[in-house]
């Protein structure tokens, strides 16, 4: 009996090794991020950050960042976001950051969820601050000062989903 052409074999009978491999989610994110318009990123990121930090923003805890710009660069995902504080609200901007906090996705996740000591991650150079070091340290200290980290609420759910997604490599 002659072999059927691949396109005529029922999908359930195709060996998994013969199926095309999808790119890792981190690669897809890295390819898409630079192409996503800033306006769309703003609609996704700003409400999430402003809800998560509503109380400390209202209490003035982030006032030191007013008009300043900090870039968060997640190297392994190829994602770069520059944040500023405008009228007591976080906003994404296309302007370059005065300070850049750079590291891998896992390091940012550990920083956000307080899984590891942020100072240790900086001393081990798993997270790095470039540019205005004082501004970068201010951001690190503000995040570190949050007792529950960012693992609560809607942002926490998003972080957990992204963690699961990027684990599938």
Protein backbone atom coordinates (compact mmCIF):
# COMPACT_ATOMS: atom_id res chain seq x y z
CA UNK A 1 0.00 0.00 0.00
CA UNK A 2 1.58 3.33 -1.04
CA UNK A 3 2.11 5.99 1.64
CA UNK A 4 -0.42 8.78 1.70
CA UNK A 5 0.86 12.28 1.05
CA UNK A 6 1.38 14.16 4.34
CA UNK A 7 -1.59 16.44 3.65
CA UNK A 8 -3.95 13.44 3.44
CA UNK A 9 -2.89 11.83 6.74
CA UNK A 10 -5.40 12.44 9.54
CA UNK A 11 -3.97 14.96 12.00
CA UNK A 12 -4.32 12.54 14.91
CA UNK A 13 -1.96 10.13 13.13
CA UNK A 14 0.79 12.63 12.40
CA UNK A 15 3.73 12.03 14.76
CA UNK A 16 4.47 15.06 16.95
CA UNK A 17 8.06 15.19 15.63
CA UNK A 18 6.69 15.83 12.14
CA UNK A 19 4.64 18.86 13.22
CA UNK A 20 6.19 22.29 12.76
CA UNK A 21 7.46 23.78 16.01
CA UNK A 22 5.93 27.05 17.06
CA UNK A 23 8.40 29.70 18.13
CA UNK A 24 8.85 30.14 21.87
CA UNK A 25 6.41 32.69 23.30
CA UNK A 26 9.34 34.85 24.40
CA UNK A 27 10.55 35.03 20.79
CA UNK A 28 7.07 35.99 19.57
CA UNK A 29 6.83 38.70 22.23
CA UNK A 30 10.25 40.03 21.25
CA UNK A 31 9.27 40.17 17.58
CA UNK A 32 5.90 41.80 18.22
CA UNK A 33 6.78 44.36 20.91
CA UNK A 34 8.64 46.85 18.69
CA UNK A 35 5.77 46.72 16.19
CA UNK A 36 2.99 47.41 18.71
CA UNK A 37 2.05 51.11 18.62
CA UNK A 38 2.68 53.06 21.82
CA UNK A 39 -1.01 54.01 22.00
CA UNK A 40 -1.97 50.33 22.20
CA UNK A 41 0.70 49.61 24.83
CA UNK A 42 -0.63 52.55 26.83
CA UNK A 43 -4.16 51.14 26.78
CA UNK A 44 -2.88 47.80 28.07
CA UNK A 45 -0.19 48.84 30.56
CA UNK A 46 -1.18 52.18 32.07
CA UNK A 47 -4.55 51.18 33.59
CA UNK A 48 -2.97 48.06 35.06
CA UNK A 49 -0.14 50.01 36.70
CA UNK A 50 -2.37 52.83 37.90
CA UNK A 51 -4.88 50.43 39.49
CA UNK A 52 -2.12 48.37 41.07
CA UNK A 53 -0.43 51.42 42.56
CA UNK A 54 -3.57 53.53 43.18
CA UNK A 55 -3.05 53.80 46.93
CA UNK A 56 0.69 54.64 46.94
CA UNK A 57 0.14 57.05 44.02
CA UNK A 58 -2.61 58.85 45.98
CA UNK A 59 -0.40 58.96 49.06
CA UNK A 60 2.44 60.54 47.07
CA UNK A 61 4.87 57.64 47.47
CA UNK A 62 5.94 57.92 43.83
CA UNK A 63 6.18 61.73 43.68
CA UNK A 64 9.98 61.50 43.35
CA UNK A 65 9.36 60.12 39.84
CA UNK A 66 7.19 63.05 38.70
CA UNK A 67 8.39 64.10 35.26
CA UNK A 68 11.27 61.59 35.36
CA UNK A 69 11.63 58.69 32.92
CA UNK A 70 12.70 55.14 33.75
CA UNK A 71 13.11 52.42 31.14
CA UNK A 72 12.46 48.81 32.05
CA UNK A 73 14.24 46.52 29.60
CA UNK A 74 13.40 42.83 29.69
CA UNK A 75 16.30 41.52 27.64
CA UNK A 76 15.22 37.95 27.03
CA UNK A 77 11.78 39.06 25.79
CA UNK A 78 13.08 42.02 23.80
CA UNK A 79 10.62 44.30 25.60
CA UNK A 80 11.44 47.89 26.47
CA UNK A 81 8.98 50.20 28.27
CA UNK A 82 9.73 53.72 29.42
CA UNK A 83 7.58 54.96 32.28
CA UNK A 84 7.02 58.41 33.66
CA UNK A 85 4.77 59.87 36.33
CA UNK A 86 2.40 62.52 35.02
CA UNK A 87 -0.31 64.11 37.21
CA UNK A 88 0.10 61.36 39.82
CA UNK A 89 -0.42 58.62 37.22
CA UNK A 90 1.99 56.29 35.48
CA UNK A 91 2.28 56.81 31.74
CA UNK A 92 4.31 55.17 28.99
CA UNK A 93 6.40 57.49 26.90
CA UNK A 94 8.43 57.19 23.72
CA UNK A 95 11.15 59.45 25.15
CA UNK A 96 14.36 57.76 26.31
CA UNK A 97 14.69 56.92 29.98
CA UNK A 98 17.04 58.79 32.27
CA UNK A 99 17.69 55.47 33.98
CA UNK A 100 17.36 51.94 32.64
CA UNK A 101 16.73 48.87 34.74
CA UNK A 102 17.76 45.89 32.65
CA UNK A 103 17.46 42.16 33.24
CA UNK A 104 15.74 38.96 32.25
CA UNK A 105 12.06 38.14 32.60
CA UNK A 106 12.64 35.88 35.61
CA UNK A 107 14.56 38.60 37.42
CA UNK A 108 11.78 41.13 36.88
CA UNK A 109 9.24 38.54 38.03
CA UNK A 110 11.29 37.90 41.19
CA UNK A 111 11.55 41.65 41.79
CA UNK A 112 7.81 42.17 41.31
CA UNK A 113 6.75 39.25 43.46
CA UNK A 114 9.49 39.55 46.09
CA UNK A 115 10.62 35.97 45.51
CA UNK A 116 14.23 37.07 45.89
CA UNK A 117 16.06 39.91 47.54
CA UNK A 118 16.35 42.76 44.99
CA UNK A 119 19.71 43.89 46.37
CA UNK A 120 21.13 40.39 45.83
CA UNK A 121 19.90 40.38 42.21
CA UNK A 122 21.61 43.73 41.60
CA UNK A 123 24.84 42.67 43.32
CA UNK A 124 24.86 39.47 41.25
CA UNK A 125 24.29 41.63 38.14
CA UNK A 126 21.14 39.74 37.25
CA UNK A 127 19.46 43.15 37.29
CA UNK A 128 21.43 46.22 36.26
CA UNK A 129 20.87 49.95 36.50
CA UNK A 130 22.33 52.21 33.86
CA UNK A 131 22.17 55.97 33.45
CA UNK A 132 20.89 57.91 36.47
CA UNK A 133 21.69 55.32 39.14
CA UNK A 134 20.02 57.33 41.89
CA UNK A 135 16.73 57.36 39.96
CA UNK A 136 17.01 53.63 39.24
CA UNK A 137 17.64 52.88 42.91
CA UNK A 138 14.66 55.04 43.86
CA UNK A 139 12.43 52.89 41.64
CA UNK A 140 13.93 49.69 43.03
CA UNK A 141 13.39 50.89 46.59
CA UNK A 142 9.80 51.94 45.88
CA UNK A 143 9.02 48.50 44.47
CA UNK A 144 10.91 46.77 47.26
CA UNK A 145 9.00 48.78 49.86
CA UNK A 146 5.67 47.25 48.78
CA UNK A 147 4.95 44.65 51.45
CA UNK A 148 3.00 42.29 49.20
CA UNK A 149 5.03 42.97 46.08
CA UNK A 150 3.08 43.11 42.85
CA UNK A 151 1.75 39.58 43.07
CA UNK A 152 -1.70 40.69 44.24
CA UNK A 153 -4.66 41.79 42.16
CA UNK A 154 -4.94 42.01 38.42
CA UNK A 155 -1.26 42.73 37.77
CA UNK A 156 -0.34 39.66 39.80
CA UNK A 157 -2.66 37.55 37.64
CA UNK A 158 -1.05 38.93 34.48
CA UNK A 159 2.44 38.25 35.88
CA UNK A 160 1.49 34.65 36.70
CA UNK A 161 0.04 34.15 33.20
CA UNK A 162 3.16 35.55 31.56
CA UNK A 163 5.31 33.40 33.81
CA UNK A 164 3.45 30.28 32.69
CA UNK A 165 3.57 31.37 29.04
CA UNK A 166 7.31 32.06 29.01
CA UNK A 167 8.03 28.79 30.83
CA UNK A 168 6.85 26.93 27.71
CA UNK A 169 10.10 27.13 25.76
